[in-house]
Amino acid sequence: LKGRGAITLGLEDLFNESDFSVRTNFLDQNSSNFSNLDNRLFKLGFRYSFGNTKLSTTDADLDFDERKRLGERN
């Protein structure tokens, strides 16, 4: 890879702990709900930079006239 690539690994909800229950008691009505969600997720990514990475920066200093136009002081 020569320093141009990167591998990433991601895990979400590894132990499947996103289940929840809801119980509602209102006047004569009793309601309960249990949600068994399977949100376990495994992500594997690869990123590689193509092209010339040794180019100089494209940032340029503003010249005097441009700074004057923008109202900046020296």
C-alpha atoms as a PDB file:
ATOM      1  CA  LEU A   1       0.000   0.000   0.000  1.00  0.00           C
ATOM      2  CA  LYS A   2       3.034   2.260   0.469  1.00  0.00           C
ATOM      3  CA  GLY A   3       1.201   4.629   2.823  1.00  0.00           C
ATOM      4  CA  ARG A   4      -1.536   5.422   0.301  1.00  0.00           C
ATOM      5  CA  GLY A   5      -4.174   2.983   1.498  1.00  0.00           C
ATOM      6  CA  ALA A   6      -6.154   2.450   4.662  1.00  0.00           C
ATOM      7  CA  ILE A   7      -8.324  -0.373   5.929  1.00  0.00           C
ATOM      8  CA  THR A   8     -11.101   0.384   8.421  1.00  0.00           C
ATOM      9  CA  LEU A   9     -13.155  -1.949  10.565  1.00  0.00           C
ATOM     10  CA  GLY A  10     -16.407  -1.098  12.319  1.00  0.00           C
ATOM     11  CA  LEU A  11     -18.696  -2.999  14.670  1.00  0.00           C
ATOM     12  CA  GLU A  12     -22.086  -1.874  15.960  1.00  0.00           C
ATOM     13  CA  ASP A  13     -24.252  -3.484  18.648  1.00  0.00           C
ATOM     14  CA  LEU A  14     -21.867  -6.415  18.909  1.00  0.00           C
ATOM     15  CA  PHE A  15     -23.716  -7.986  21.879  1.00  0.00           C
ATOM     16  CA  ASN A  16     -27.231  -7.358  20.464  1.00  0.00           C
ATOM     17  CA  GLU A  17     -28.256  -5.106  23.350  1.00  0.00           C
ATOM     18  CA  SER A  18     -30.674  -2.820  21.490  1.00  0.00           C
ATOM     19  CA  ASP A  19     -33.814  -4.748  22.531  1.00  0.00           C
ATOM     20  CA  PHE A  20     -36.348  -2.832  24.598  1.00  0.00           C
ATOM     21  CA  SER A  21     -39.780  -3.220  26.141  1.00  0.00           C
ATOM     22  CA  VAL A  22     -42.580  -0.720  26.690  1.00  0.00           C
ATOM     23  CA  ARG A  23     -45.472  -1.084  29.107  1.00  0.00           C
ATOM     24  CA  THR A  24     -48.388   1.355  29.203  1.00  0.00           C
ATOM     25  CA  ASN A  25     -51.151   1.412  31.815  1.00  0.00           C
ATOM     26  CA  PHE A  26     -53.873   3.983  31.159  1.00  0.00           C
ATOM     27  CA  LEU A  27     -57.334   3.800  32.745  1.00  0.00           C
ATOM     28  CA  ASP A  28     -58.736   0.382  31.740  1.00  0.00           C
ATOM     29  CA  GLN A  29     -56.113  -0.312  29.098  1.00  0.00           C
ATOM     30  CA  ASN A  30     -52.889  -2.215  29.662  1.00  0.00           C
ATOM     31  CA  SER A  31     -50.466  -2.549  26.801  1.00  0.00           C
ATOM     32  CA  SER A  32     -47.006  -4.035  26.543  1.00  0.00           C
ATOM     33  CA  ASN A  33     -44.596  -4.373  23.680  1.00  0.00           C
ATOM     34  CA  PHE A  34     -41.207  -6.027  23.401  1.00  0.00           C
ATOM     35  CA  SER A  35     -39.004  -5.190  20.429  1.00  0.00           C
ATOM     36  CA  ASN A  36     -36.333  -7.711  19.535  1.00  0.00           C
ATOM     37  CA  LEU A  37     -34.137  -5.798  17.111  1.00  0.00           C
ATOM     38  CA  ASP A  38     -31.170  -7.405  15.408  1.00  0.00           C
ATOM     39  CA  ASN A  39     -28.980  -4.417  14.615  1.00  0.00           C
ATOM     40  CA  ARG A  40     -25.614  -6.140  14.725  1.00  0.00           C
ATOM     41  CA  LEU A  41     -23.453  -4.696  12.002  1.00  0.00           C
ATOM     42  CA  PHE A  42     -19.952  -5.441  10.761  1.00  0.00           C
ATOM     43  CA  LYS A  43     -18.309  -2.966   8.367  1.00  0.00           C
ATOM     44  CA  LEU A  44     -15.060  -3.360   6.494  1.00  0.00           C
ATOM     45  CA  GLY A  45     -13.729  -0.498   4.389  1.00  0.00           C
ATOM     46  CA  PHE A  46     -10.781   0.147   2.139  1.00  0.00           C
ATOM     47  CA  ARG A  47      -9.570   3.547   0.936  1.00  0.00           C
ATOM     48  CA  TYR A  48      -6.743   4.144  -1.528  1.00  0.00           C
ATOM     49  CA  SER A  49      -5.369   7.493  -2.729  1.00  0.00           C
ATOM     50  CA  PHE A  50      -4.645   7.634  -6.446  1.00  0.00           C
ATOM     51  CA  GLY A  51      -2.554  10.236  -8.215  1.00  0.00           C
ATOM     52  CA  ASN A  52       0.430  12.322  -7.274  1.00  0.00           C
ATOM     53  CA  THR A  53       0.466  13.021  -3.543  1.00  0.00           C
ATOM     54  CA  LYS A  54       3.687  15.047  -3.720  1.00  0.00           C
ATOM     55  CA  LEU A  55       2.165  18.120  -5.389  1.00  0.00           C
ATOM     56  CA  SER A  56       2.531  21.441  -3.627  1.00  0.00           C
ATOM     57  CA  THR A  57      -0.460  22.914  -1.887  1.00  0.00           C
ATOM     58  CA  THR A  58      -3.017  24.840  -3.920  1.00  0.00           C
ATOM     59  CA  ASP A  59      -3.495  27.465  -1.212  1.00  0.00           C
ATOM     60  CA  ALA A  60      -2.496  30.877  -2.533  1.00  0.00           C
ATOM     61  CA  ASP A  61      -1.932  34.122  -0.677  1.00  0.00           C
ATOM     62  CA  LEU A  62      -4.271  36.943  -1.584  1.00  0.00           C
ATOM     63  CA  ASP A  63      -2.474  39.736  -3.352  1.00  0.00           C
ATOM     64  CA  PHE A  64      -2.591  43.319  -2.101  1.00  0.00           C
ATOM     65  CA  ASP A  65      -5.449  44.452  -4.368  1.00  0.00           C
ATOM     66  CA  GLU A  66      -7.616  41.523  -3.316  1.00  0.00           C
ATOM     67  CA  ARG A  67      -6.974  42.198   0.379  1.00  0.00           C
ATOM     68  CA  LYS A  68      -7.779  45.869  -0.177  1.00  0.00           C
ATOM     69  CA  ARG A  69     -11.012  44.924  -1.940  1.00  0.00           C
ATOM     70  CA  LEU A  70     -11.990  42.735   1.008  1.00  0.00           C
ATOM     71  CA  GLY A  71     -11.226  45.550   3.443  1.00  0.00           C
ATOM     72  CA  GLU A  72      -8.396  43.835   5.277  1.00  0.00           C
ATOM     73  CA  ARG A  73      -5.603  45.803   6.889  1.00  0.00           C
ATOM     74  CA  ASN A  74      -1.921  44.959   6.632  1.00  0.00           C
END
